[in-house]
Every structure is written in structure tokens, then in C-alpha cells.
């Protein structure tokens, strides 16, 4: 059972539906050592090879060796601007399919359906694609091109839905489901009639390995068309956590943050503009944060001529700031925001109207009169009157369905799970949780934050599950 039907869950479903990757004969990978390794066993699928051996020595923009491996097999020289074809060929071996169920709240694509459709992706369009159906080929069918090599969130969401249909994966997907609990139970305690029939025609889904005395019980409910909640319970030997991190926006934890004019999602600003509750003559909108969502909010406000006060803790030159890591040519709009942050501080007027930058400041409190109190690095305080506040400082996964909110599974088991600072502790070559066998974590929960790199985790999980299910050829 997978929890989450975003790119991680879709990719894993593809691999477990019997789609097996092999090294394409006569193809040439630009990495000579990897090429030599691939030539050693061309008849053995990548899933059945030693992933640690294949990925050894690879370098790139991910900390996960398997993520780098699967990425470079699909897009061999993409980091150097190349367009070399994938060195993989895909065979559909139905006898190697592993029965599985993908549970998700939305349509296939996960959080991509919750993002404003016109938003342009950070990653290049081709990096958003899933195995054996290049994103740009799909876009061509729609007679569209990529702007600056990048795509809109709406395109991505539609592509993921199309992928599931095109690859015939929809029978494994149950959308409109909310999982409320995942826990270990003893296999003996499960009576036959306890199975809520989620997948009537697939008996093999419930054939437990008798050696394993414990299985996972997954409880939750379906949201029916009428809006009713229909409960279900599923039992599985293995559960994959692929729920992403879009669930719970981070709060600052300051006084007045629960007031009605303080919001934690960009959609609140779009809504306020749409219903004309703020406009050119309004008091400034406060935007807190220095990530890409905050930048998107600034661009949106700037486009609508709405005044902005921008507050963030870091220095503008901080190398950890995402803007200092993005190539200017590829991301001109984010480069513009970074320029505004540098040139338009409250201390000195700059060339941009309707925008003030307050670097190395933090919010102390929000007042009922819409006055907001800030403090700078030297302890000086200042007050600004604002029309609304957007706190866009990241988000945290909602793992309330796990015992102790999943904290025991994290790298630091004293702190909540956080994709950037404290991901779930997994084996790097199987993505199985080190603290709970049979439980796997994928995507942001395991520290892989880009679609391009979550797929390697799916490869690792599929390889592990195929070994467990004895579906590996000799």
C-alpha cells in the first residue's frame, strides 16, 4: 500500500506493474565508468543489479546515490545542457508485477493539483517527466512549447493524470481517500471478514507471507460523491509513505498569528485580489520568507501593483538563499526578485516602486489593528501598518496517521520530520525506514525534494520489494 499519489507514488506504481528497465544495447553513456558497469550485465535489469555498485562515484545535485543513478540513466547529460537520449529500454514483464494499492486525496499528481495552475515550475520541464513518456513529447501533442524550458503547474498536473491512464496504472489508484492511521498488528489477529474489499479482484494482495507475524493495518475513509465518509481498513506487509510535504504550512509562532488577516498560503493573496479586497491603494501586503513561494507572492503583487513589505531573516548575500543558487539566465523573474531584495531595503530608496525589503528582520507580533512589529539584527524595533500578511516560510508534512507523528522514524528522533532539516531515516539503497522494517519513505519525506530525483527512490523501493516478493529472476 502506498500513501500518496504524487510523482513518487506514480513512478513506483509503474515499476511494480511489471515495467522493467534494461540497459539499451549499443547506447553510449557519457560517464565512462558507468558505461563499463552497464555493459557488464546487459541482460540483467537495472532493478536486479547492485544499485550501490552502479551508483558508486556518481556526483550531482542530490545527496542520494540511487537518485543520481536513475536520473543519469534517463537524462544522461542534462546538467550540461545536453539532450542525450535515455540509455534505458523498458520491457513489460507482467509476471513480475507486484499487487499494490495507491491511496491519494486528489487525482493522480498529488499536490500538483493544489498549486495555482499558471505558476511556472522551478525545474526545467523535461525534469518533471516520468519514465518512458518524456514530458516534452506530451506537451508537443498539446501543440505547446516550453517557456524558458519550464512548464506550468497545470501542465504538470495534467501530464501526471495522463501518464497513469496511458500506462494502464489506474486500476491500482484509489483517489479521494484520507488515511487516518497506520500501525503494526499481529497477522493472527486479523479475521477474514475484517478485510474491507478495496480491490475485489486481486486476492493475491492479501496473501500474507506466513513467516511474518506482523502486518500493517491502514485505516481511513473514502470521500464519496455525495460527500459522505466511508471507512476502510487494509492490511499490507509493506507500506510506502509518499505523502510529500505540502500539508501544513510552517507558522512563526508569534502573537497574533491566528488573526484573520494573517495567512499561510499564496492562494489567499490571489483570492484577495480577485475579490478586490486589496488593490493599488491598500496598505502594503507583508510577505515573510525568502524562498520561492515568497518570491512568487512578490511577483504576483508586483504584477498587480500592490505595495509589498518583504521581511526575511537571512542576509541578501547568504549563500544558503535559494536565489544565490539559481542561474540568472534560466530564472530571470527570480533574479529580479533577488535584485529587488538587494536594492530596495528600507534604509535606502531604490528603483522599484511599491516594494520595501527588510533583510535580517523577524516578526515579533501581529496586532489587531493590522500593525505589525518587527525587530532587526541589532534589536531595533519598527512598526508597519499592513493590509494582510502572508507567512511563506515552508511547510511540514502531516504524519498524524503514524504513531507519535512519525517522529521516531526521523534522523533526529527528538524533532518533527522535516524534508530539509530532519527527513525520515532510510537505507539509501532500499529507502526502507531504518527504525521500522516493511515501512518505506519516498520523495520529500526522505529528503528528495525535486521530481527529477524522487524517481531514484522509487527504483530503490521497487528493487527491494521485488526481492521480498521473490519476483526476481535467478
Protein backbone atom coordinates (compact mmCIF):
# COMPACT_ATOMS: atom_id res chain seq x y z
CA UNK A 1 0.00 0.00 0.00
CA UNK A 2 1.37 3.44 -0.95
CA UNK A 3 0.16 6.56 0.81
CA UNK A 4 0.34 9.43 -1.67
CA UNK A 5 -0.29 9.56 -5.42
CA UNK A 6 2.14 12.27 -6.48
CA UNK A 7 5.13 11.67 -8.79
CA UNK A 8 6.83 9.29 -6.29
CA UNK A 9 3.77 7.07 -5.97
CA UNK A 10 3.06 7.10 -9.72
CA UNK A 11 6.65 6.17 -10.60
CA UNK A 12 6.69 3.31 -8.06
CA UNK A 13 3.34 2.03 -9.34
CA UNK A 14 4.81 1.95 -12.87
CA UNK A 15 7.81 -0.11 -11.71
CA UNK A 16 5.68 -2.52 -9.67
CA UNK A 17 3.23 -3.01 -12.56
CA UNK A 18 5.87 -5.08 -14.32
CA UNK A 19 7.60 -2.32 -16.30
CA UNK A 20 11.25 -3.30 -16.03
CA UNK A 21 14.21 -1.11 -17.13
CA UNK A 22 17.19 -2.60 -19.01
CA UNK A 23 20.33 -1.01 -20.42
CA UNK A 24 19.64 -0.26 -24.08
CA UNK A 25 22.15 -2.18 -26.21
CA UNK A 26 24.51 -0.04 -28.32
CA UNK A 27 23.69 3.09 -26.33
CA UNK A 28 26.58 5.11 -25.03
CA UNK A 29 26.52 6.86 -21.66
CA UNK A 30 28.81 9.93 -21.33
CA UNK A 31 30.05 8.65 -17.93
CA UNK A 32 32.70 6.05 -18.99
CA UNK A 33 32.86 4.15 -15.68
CA UNK A 34 29.06 3.82 -15.52
CA UNK A 35 29.04 2.75 -19.19
CA UNK A 36 31.53 -0.04 -18.39
CA UNK A 37 29.44 -1.22 -15.44
CA UNK A 38 26.25 -1.22 -17.54
CA UNK A 39 27.96 -3.30 -20.23
CA UNK A 40 28.94 -5.97 -17.67
CA UNK A 41 25.37 -7.31 -17.34
CA UNK A 42 23.22 -6.04 -20.22
CA UNK A 43 20.72 -8.91 -19.88
CA UNK A 44 20.00 -8.23 -16.20
CA UNK A 45 17.51 -5.48 -15.49
CA UNK A 46 18.63 -2.40 -13.57
CA UNK A 47 16.16 -3.40 -10.80
CA UNK A 48 18.03 -6.69 -10.28
CA UNK A 49 21.53 -5.26 -10.29
CA UNK A 50 23.51 -3.97 -7.32
CA UNK A 51 22.34 -0.34 -7.10
CA UNK A 52 25.15 0.56 -4.70
CA UNK A 53 27.76 -0.69 -7.18
CA UNK A 54 26.16 1.09 -10.17
CA UNK A 55 25.77 4.41 -8.35
CA UNK A 56 29.23 4.50 -6.79
CA UNK A 57 31.19 7.58 -7.82
CA UNK A 58 28.27 9.49 -9.36
CA UNK A 59 28.03 13.18 -8.50
CA UNK A 60 25.24 15.69 -8.98
CA UNK A 61 22.60 17.85 -7.34
CA UNK A 62 21.22 15.21 -4.99
CA UNK A 63 22.63 13.52 -1.90
CA UNK A 64 21.00 10.22 -2.85
CA UNK A 65 23.24 7.88 -4.89
CA UNK A 66 20.23 6.00 -6.34
CA UNK A 67 18.50 9.27 -7.28
CA UNK A 68 21.63 10.32 -9.21
CA UNK A 69 21.84 6.89 -10.87
CA UNK A 70 18.25 6.74 -12.15
CA UNK A 71 18.40 10.40 -13.21
CA UNK A 72 21.59 9.97 -15.24
CA UNK A 73 20.25 6.80 -16.88
CA UNK A 74 17.15 8.71 -18.04
CA UNK A 75 18.79 12.10 -18.78
CA UNK A 76 22.50 11.35 -19.30
CA UNK A 77 23.93 14.87 -19.77
CA UNK A 78 21.08 17.17 -18.81
CA UNK A 79 23.11 19.14 -16.24
CA UNK A 80 25.45 20.21 -19.04
CA UNK A 81 22.59 21.37 -21.22
CA UNK A 82 22.73 18.21 -23.35
CA UNK A 83 19.76 16.36 -24.76
CA UNK A 84 21.20 12.82 -24.99
CA UNK A 85 18.51 10.17 -25.02
CA UNK A 86 17.86 7.80 -22.14
CA UNK A 87 20.08 4.70 -22.11
CA UNK A 88 17.16 2.65 -20.75
CA UNK A 89 14.71 0.47 -22.60
CA UNK A 90 11.51 -0.69 -20.87
CA UNK A 91 10.03 -4.19 -21.03
CA UNK A 92 6.58 -5.06 -19.74
CA UNK A 93 7.02 -8.32 -17.82
CA UNK A 94 3.58 -8.94 -16.33
CA UNK A 95 4.78 -11.97 -14.35
CA UNK A 96 6.94 -9.62 -12.28
CA UNK A 97 4.13 -7.27 -11.28
CA UNK A 98 3.60 -6.87 -7.53
CA UNK A 99 -0.02 -6.22 -6.44
CA UNK A 100 -0.31 -2.81 -4.82
CA UNK A 101 -2.70 -0.03 -3.99
CA UNK A 102 -2.03 3.73 -4.27
CA UNK A 103 -4.13 5.86 -1.91
CA UNK A 104 -4.40 9.62 -2.50
CA UNK A 105 -6.62 12.56 -1.56
CA UNK A 106 -6.64 14.13 -5.05
CA UNK A 107 -6.44 12.91 -8.61
CA UNK A 108 -3.08 11.29 -9.56
CA UNK A 109 -0.44 14.01 -9.34
CA UNK A 110 -0.83 14.77 -5.64
CA UNK A 111 -0.11 18.34 -4.54
CA UNK A 112 0.34 19.50 -8.15
CA UNK A 113 -3.45 19.79 -8.27
CA UNK A 114 -3.39 22.23 -5.31
CA UNK A 115 -0.88 24.65 -6.83
CA UNK A 116 -2.07 27.71 -8.78
CA UNK A 117 -2.24 26.41 -12.37
CA UNK A 118 -0.42 29.31 -14.02
CA UNK A 119 2.63 29.04 -11.74
CA UNK A 120 5.82 28.26 -13.66
CA UNK A 121 7.84 25.34 -12.29
CA UNK A 122 11.29 25.91 -10.84
CA UNK A 123 12.67 22.84 -12.61
CA UNK A 124 13.07 22.59 -16.35
CA UNK A 125 10.06 20.95 -17.98
CA UNK A 126 11.91 17.82 -19.06
CA UNK A 127 12.97 17.22 -15.46
CA UNK A 128 9.31 16.87 -14.44
CA UNK A 129 8.79 13.81 -16.67
CA UNK A 130 8.28 10.22 -15.52
CA UNK A 131 9.89 7.09 -17.04
CA UNK A 132 9.30 6.21 -20.70
CA UNK A 133 6.98 9.13 -21.56
CA UNK A 134 9.03 12.34 -21.99
CA UNK A 135 7.17 15.42 -20.79
CA UNK A 136 8.14 17.46 -23.84
CA UNK A 137 6.68 14.80 -26.19
CA UNK A 138 3.38 15.02 -24.29
CA UNK A 139 3.47 18.82 -24.49
CA UNK A 140 4.07 18.65 -28.26
CA UNK A 141 0.85 16.65 -28.62
CA UNK A 142 -0.92 19.60 -26.99
CA UNK A 143 0.81 21.81 -29.59
CA UNK A 144 2.54 23.76 -26.88
CA UNK A 145 6.15 24.58 -26.22
CA UNK A 146 8.07 25.18 -23.00
CA UNK A 147 8.57 28.78 -21.89
CA UNK A 148 12.23 29.18 -20.94
CA UNK A 149 12.38 25.37 -20.85
CA UNK A 150 9.88 25.43 -17.97
CA UNK A 151 6.25 24.37 -17.59
CA UNK A 152 3.13 25.48 -15.73
CA UNK A 153 1.79 23.62 -12.69
CA UNK A 154 -1.42 22.93 -14.61
CA UNK A 155 0.54 21.21 -17.39
CA UNK A 156 2.36 19.07 -14.85
CA UNK A 157 -0.86 18.03 -13.06
CA UNK A 158 -2.49 17.06 -16.38
CA UNK A 159 0.62 15.17 -17.53
CA UNK A 160 0.65 13.04 -14.35
CA UNK A 161 -3.03 12.14 -14.80
CA UNK A 162 -2.40 11.31 -18.47
CA UNK A 163 0.63 9.17 -17.50
CA UNK A 164 -1.45 6.99 -15.15
CA UNK A 165 -4.06 6.39 -17.87
CA UNK A 166 -1.57 5.89 -20.70
CA UNK A 167 0.46 3.32 -18.75
CA UNK A 168 -2.67 1.50 -17.57
CA UNK A 169 -1.98 2.11 -13.87
CA UNK A 170 -5.43 3.44 -12.90
CA UNK A 171 -6.63 0.09 -11.51
CA UNK A 172 -4.06 0.49 -8.70
CA UNK A 173 -5.19 4.00 -7.74
CA UNK A 174 -7.87 4.94 -5.21
CA UNK A 175 -8.41 8.70 -5.17
CA UNK A 176 -10.48 10.64 -2.63
CA UNK A 177 -9.05 8.64 0.26
CA UNK A 178 -7.84 10.01 3.59
CA UNK A 179 -5.63 7.78 5.74
CA UNK A 180 -6.14 8.26 9.47
CA UNK A 181 -3.93 5.52 10.97
CA UNK A 182 -1.06 3.18 10.07
CA UNK A 183 0.03 0.71 12.74
CA UNK A 184 1.59 -2.72 13.18
CA UNK A 185 -0.78 -5.54 14.18
CA UNK A 186 -0.20 -9.26 14.59
CA UNK A 187 -1.21 -11.25 11.50
CA UNK A 188 -3.12 -13.77 13.63
CA UNK A 189 -5.44 -11.09 14.99
CA UNK A 190 -6.84 -10.31 11.56
CA UNK A 191 -10.06 -12.17 10.97
CA UNK A 192 -11.03 -12.84 7.37
CA UNK A 193 -14.13 -10.68 7.48
CA UNK A 194 -12.10 -7.66 8.67
CA UNK A 195 -10.98 -7.02 5.10
CA UNK A 196 -12.86 -4.10 3.63
CA UNK A 197 -12.98 -5.04 -0.03
CA UNK A 198 -10.89 -2.32 -1.61
CA UNK A 199 -9.71 -4.42 -4.52
CA UNK A 200 -12.18 -7.19 -5.17
CA UNK A 201 -10.41 -8.95 -7.98
CA UNK A 202 -6.94 -9.14 -6.54
CA UNK A 203 -6.82 -11.95 -3.98
CA UNK A 204 -3.05 -12.03 -4.09
CA UNK A 205 -2.93 -8.62 -2.42
CA UNK A 206 -3.92 -10.28 0.83
CA UNK A 207 -1.77 -13.44 0.65
CA UNK A 208 0.46 -12.72 3.62
CA UNK A 209 3.85 -14.29 4.00
CA UNK A 210 3.28 -16.69 6.86
CA UNK A 211 6.78 -16.19 8.23
CA UNK A 212 5.88 -12.59 9.05
CA UNK A 213 3.89 -12.45 12.23
CA UNK A 214 3.15 -8.73 11.94
CA UNK A 215 1.50 -6.69 9.21
CA UNK A 216 0.45 -3.05 8.84
CA UNK A 217 -3.15 -2.04 9.31
CA UNK A 218 -4.04 1.05 7.26
CA UNK A 219 -7.29 2.75 8.32
CA UNK A 220 -9.02 5.69 6.70
CA UNK A 221 -12.07 6.77 4.76
CA UNK A 222 -13.25 7.39 1.20
CA UNK A 223 -14.94 10.65 0.36
CA UNK A 224 -17.98 9.61 -1.68
CA UNK A 225 -19.56 11.72 -4.44
CA UNK A 226 -22.34 12.70 -2.02
CA UNK A 227 -19.76 13.93 0.47
CA UNK A 228 -20.13 11.01 2.89
CA UNK A 229 -17.16 9.37 4.59
CA UNK A 230 -16.95 5.63 4.03
CA UNK A 231 -14.41 3.93 6.33
CA UNK A 232 -11.95 1.25 5.19
CA UNK A 233 -9.19 -0.94 6.64
CA UNK A 234 -6.45 -2.50 4.54
CA UNK A 235 -3.73 -4.91 5.67
CA UNK A 236 -0.32 -4.97 4.00
CA UNK A 237 3.13 -6.39 4.61
CA UNK A 238 4.76 -3.26 3.25
CA UNK A 239 3.64 0.37 3.37
CA UNK A 240 5.25 3.18 1.36
CA UNK A 241 4.99 6.75 2.71
CA UNK A 242 4.93 9.13 -0.26
CA UNK A 243 2.70 11.89 1.12
CA UNK A 244 5.03 14.80 0.32
CA UNK A 245 5.28 17.94 2.38
CA UNK A 246 2.56 20.25 1.12
CA UNK A 247 0.16 19.61 4.02
CA UNK A 248 0.92 22.01 6.86
CA UNK A 249 2.41 25.47 6.27
CA UNK A 250 5.02 26.46 8.86
CA UNK A 251 3.91 29.03 11.45
CA UNK A 252 6.20 31.63 13.02
CA UNK A 253 4.72 31.01 16.46
CA UNK A 254 4.30 34.71 17.27
CA UNK A 255 1.49 36.63 18.96
CA UNK A 256 -1.47 37.47 16.71
CA UNK A 257 -0.55 34.95 14.02
CA UNK A 258 -4.04 33.46 14.22
CA UNK A 259 -5.72 36.80 13.34
CA UNK A 260 -7.90 36.75 10.23
CA UNK A 261 -5.59 38.95 8.12
CA UNK A 262 -2.58 36.63 8.60
CA UNK A 263 -2.39 33.83 6.02
CA UNK A 264 -0.02 30.95 5.30
CA UNK A 265 -0.76 30.26 1.65
CA UNK A 266 -0.18 32.21 -1.54
CA UNK A 267 -3.74 31.47 -2.69
CA UNK A 268 -5.01 33.93 -0.01
CA UNK A 269 -3.35 36.81 -1.88
CA UNK A 270 -4.78 35.66 -5.23
CA UNK A 271 -8.23 35.43 -3.64
CA UNK A 272 -7.97 38.91 -2.08
CA UNK A 273 -7.01 40.43 -5.44
CA UNK A 274 -9.80 38.54 -7.22
CA UNK A 275 -12.50 39.84 -4.86
CA UNK A 276 -10.92 43.34 -4.78
CA UNK A 277 -10.42 43.36 -1.01
CA UNK A 278 -6.90 44.65 -1.68
CA UNK A 279 -5.58 46.77 -4.55
CA UNK A 280 -3.23 49.57 -5.57
CA UNK A 281 -4.45 51.94 -2.82
CA UNK A 282 -4.30 49.39 0.02
CA UNK A 283 -1.80 49.41 2.84
CA UNK A 284 1.17 47.17 1.96
CA UNK A 285 0.93 43.39 1.98
CA UNK A 286 3.52 41.84 4.29
CA UNK A 287 5.37 38.85 2.83
CA UNK A 288 7.51 36.84 5.26
CA UNK A 289 10.10 34.39 3.91
CA UNK A 290 12.92 34.18 1.39
CA UNK A 291 12.08 31.04 -0.56
CA UNK A 292 10.49 30.60 -3.95
CA UNK A 293 6.88 30.74 -2.72
CA UNK A 294 7.60 34.12 -1.14
CA UNK A 295 9.19 35.19 -4.45
CA UNK A 296 6.08 34.03 -6.35
CA UNK A 297 3.94 36.15 -3.99
CA UNK A 298 6.16 39.21 -4.58
CA UNK A 299 5.98 38.74 -8.36
CA UNK A 300 2.21 38.38 -8.21
CA UNK A 301 1.80 41.52 -6.03
CA UNK A 302 4.26 43.46 -8.24
CA UNK A 303 2.28 42.46 -11.33
CA UNK A 304 -0.93 43.77 -9.67
CA UNK A 305 0.82 46.98 -8.47
CA UNK A 306 0.13 46.08 -4.84
CA UNK A 307 2.64 47.53 -2.33
CA UNK A 308 4.78 44.97 -0.50
CA UNK A 309 6.88 44.88 2.66
CA UNK A 310 9.21 41.88 2.47
CA UNK A 311 10.71 40.53 5.69
CA UNK A 312 13.27 37.71 5.94
CA UNK A 313 15.88 36.56 8.46
CA UNK A 314 18.88 35.94 6.22
CA UNK A 315 21.38 38.36 4.67
CA UNK A 316 20.75 39.02 0.97
CA UNK A 317 24.21 37.63 0.16
CA UNK A 318 23.72 34.43 2.23
CA UNK A 319 24.88 31.50 0.04
CA UNK A 320 22.06 29.40 1.56
CA UNK A 321 19.49 31.71 -0.05
CA UNK A 322 17.91 29.85 -2.98
CA UNK A 323 18.32 32.89 -5.27
CA UNK A 324 22.10 32.67 -4.92
CA UNK A 325 21.96 29.12 -6.30
CA UNK A 326 19.86 29.71 -9.44
CA UNK A 327 21.37 30.52 -12.86
CA UNK A 328 20.27 34.06 -13.87
CA UNK A 329 19.60 33.16 -17.50
CA UNK A 330 17.17 30.39 -16.70
CA UNK A 331 15.30 32.17 -13.89
CA UNK A 332 15.04 35.84 -14.88
CA UNK A 333 11.96 36.51 -12.73
CA UNK A 334 13.56 35.12 -9.54
CA UNK A 335 16.72 37.05 -10.33
CA UNK A 336 14.56 40.19 -10.48
CA UNK A 337 13.14 39.48 -7.01
CA UNK A 338 16.66 38.95 -5.67
CA UNK A 339 17.69 42.27 -7.19
CA UNK A 340 14.74 43.99 -5.50
CA UNK A 341 15.70 42.41 -2.18
CA UNK A 342 19.23 43.80 -2.56
CA UNK A 343 18.48 47.26 -3.92
CA UNK A 344 15.29 48.28 -2.18
CA UNK A 345 15.89 48.00 1.56
CA UNK A 346 14.08 50.35 3.91
CA UNK A 347 17.40 52.04 4.64
CA UNK A 348 17.85 53.31 1.08
CA UNK A 349 15.28 54.00 -1.61
CA UNK A 350 15.81 52.02 -4.78
CA UNK A 351 14.38 51.95 -8.30
CA UNK A 352 11.34 49.79 -7.53
CA UNK A 353 8.03 51.36 -6.55
CA UNK A 354 5.74 49.71 -4.03
CA UNK A 355 8.36 47.38 -2.53
CA UNK A 356 10.46 47.55 0.65
CA UNK A 357 12.94 44.85 1.65
CA UNK A 358 13.79 44.21 5.33
CA UNK A 359 16.66 41.71 5.39
CA UNK A 360 17.82 40.23 8.72
CA UNK A 361 14.49 41.14 10.36
CA UNK A 362 11.90 38.97 12.05
CA UNK A 363 8.28 39.45 13.08
CA UNK A 364 7.64 39.94 16.80
CA UNK A 365 3.84 40.22 16.71
CA UNK A 366 0.73 40.96 14.67
CA UNK A 367 -1.69 43.48 16.19
CA UNK A 368 -5.49 43.50 15.97
CA UNK A 369 -5.22 46.95 14.34
CA UNK A 370 -3.17 45.36 11.49
CA UNK A 371 0.01 46.92 12.84
CA UNK A 372 2.95 44.57 12.68
CA UNK A 373 6.01 44.79 14.93
CA UNK A 374 9.46 43.80 13.55
CA UNK A 375 12.94 43.59 15.04
CA UNK A 376 16.25 43.84 13.19
CA UNK A 377 19.55 42.07 13.97
CA UNK A 378 20.61 44.88 16.34
CA UNK A 379 17.44 44.65 18.40
CA UNK A 380 15.84 47.82 16.97
CA UNK A 381 12.09 47.57 16.55
CA UNK A 382 9.79 49.15 13.96
CA UNK A 383 6.05 49.10 13.28
CA UNK A 384 4.29 48.99 9.91
CA UNK A 385 0.57 49.16 9.15
CA UNK A 386 -0.36 46.44 6.66
CA UNK A 387 -3.46 45.19 4.82
CA UNK A 388 -2.69 41.46 5.06
CA UNK A 389 0.22 39.20 5.93
CA UNK A 390 1.49 36.12 4.09
CA UNK A 391 3.80 33.91 6.10
CA UNK A 392 5.51 31.77 3.44
CA UNK A 393 8.37 30.08 5.25
CA UNK A 394 7.91 26.49 4.05
CA UNK A 395 5.66 23.63 5.02
CA UNK A 396 5.77 20.46 7.06
CA UNK A 397 4.41 17.02 6.29
CA UNK A 398 1.31 15.88 8.14
CA UNK A 399 2.14 12.46 9.57
CA UNK A 400 -0.60 12.44 12.21
CA UNK A 401 -1.67 8.98 10.97
CA UNK A 402 1.60 7.48 12.29
CA UNK A 403 2.32 6.69 15.94
CA UNK A 404 3.92 9.78 17.56
CA UNK A 405 3.52 11.70 14.26
CA UNK A 406 6.36 9.67 12.74
CA UNK A 407 8.96 11.43 14.91
CA UNK A 408 10.53 8.08 15.90
CA UNK A 409 11.36 7.45 12.22
CA UNK A 410 13.29 10.72 11.71
CA UNK A 411 17.07 11.16 11.61
CA UNK A 412 16.77 13.10 14.87
CA UNK A 413 14.01 11.33 16.78
CA UNK A 414 13.58 14.26 19.17
CA UNK A 415 12.37 16.60 16.40
CA UNK A 416 9.42 16.55 13.96
CA UNK A 417 10.01 15.20 10.46
CA UNK A 418 11.13 18.00 8.11
CA UNK A 419 12.14 17.40 4.47
CA UNK A 420 15.12 19.76 4.58
CA UNK A 421 16.32 19.59 8.17
CA UNK A 422 15.14 16.24 9.54
CA UNK A 423 13.97 13.71 6.96
CA UNK A 424 12.92 10.15 7.74
CA UNK A 425 15.97 7.93 8.25
CA UNK A 426 16.04 5.42 5.36
CA UNK A 427 18.52 2.94 3.93
CA UNK A 428 20.00 4.78 0.91
CA UNK A 429 19.71 1.75 -1.41
CA UNK A 430 16.26 0.41 -0.44
CA UNK A 431 14.56 3.51 1.11
CA UNK A 432 13.27 1.24 3.89
CA UNK A 433 12.95 3.01 7.25
CA UNK A 434 15.83 2.03 9.49
CA UNK A 435 13.54 2.11 12.55
CA UNK A 436 10.61 0.13 11.09
CA UNK A 437 11.09 -2.74 8.65
CA UNK A 438 8.41 -3.01 5.98
CA UNK A 439 7.81 0.76 6.08
CA UNK A 440 9.37 2.79 3.25
CA UNK A 441 9.59 6.56 2.69
CA UNK A 442 9.87 8.34 -0.66
CA UNK A 443 10.23 11.88 -2.00
CA UNK A 444 10.43 14.90 0.33
CA UNK A 445 9.85 12.72 3.43
CA UNK A 446 13.18 11.01 2.64
CA UNK A 447 14.90 14.31 1.72
CA UNK A 448 14.38 14.14 -2.08
CA UNK A 449 12.68 17.43 -2.94
CA UNK A 450 12.68 17.50 -6.75
CA UNK A 451 10.54 15.37 -9.07
CA UNK A 452 13.67 14.65 -11.03
CA UNK A 453 15.26 12.92 -8.03
CA UNK A 454 12.29 11.26 -6.31
CA UNK A 455 12.28 8.60 -9.03
CA UNK A 456 15.54 7.02 -7.84
CA UNK A 457 13.85 6.34 -4.50
CA UNK A 458 11.05 4.56 -6.36
CA UNK A 459 13.68 2.44 -8.16
CA UNK A 460 15.25 1.51 -4.80
CA UNK A 461 11.87 0.60 -3.23
CA UNK A 462 10.80 -1.45 -6.27
CA UNK A 463 14.10 -3.32 -6.26
CA UNK A 464 13.68 -4.12 -2.55
CA UNK A 465 10.01 -5.17 -2.84
CA UNK A 466 10.73 -7.41 -5.85
CA UNK A 467 13.40 -9.20 -3.82
CA UNK A 468 10.96 -9.64 -0.91
CA UNK A 469 8.23 -10.92 -3.22
CA UNK A 470 10.66 -13.37 -4.84
CA UNK A 471 9.83 -11.88 -8.20
CA UNK A 472 13.48 -11.71 -9.22
CA UNK A 473 14.81 -13.90 -11.98
CA UNK A 474 17.68 -16.20 -10.91
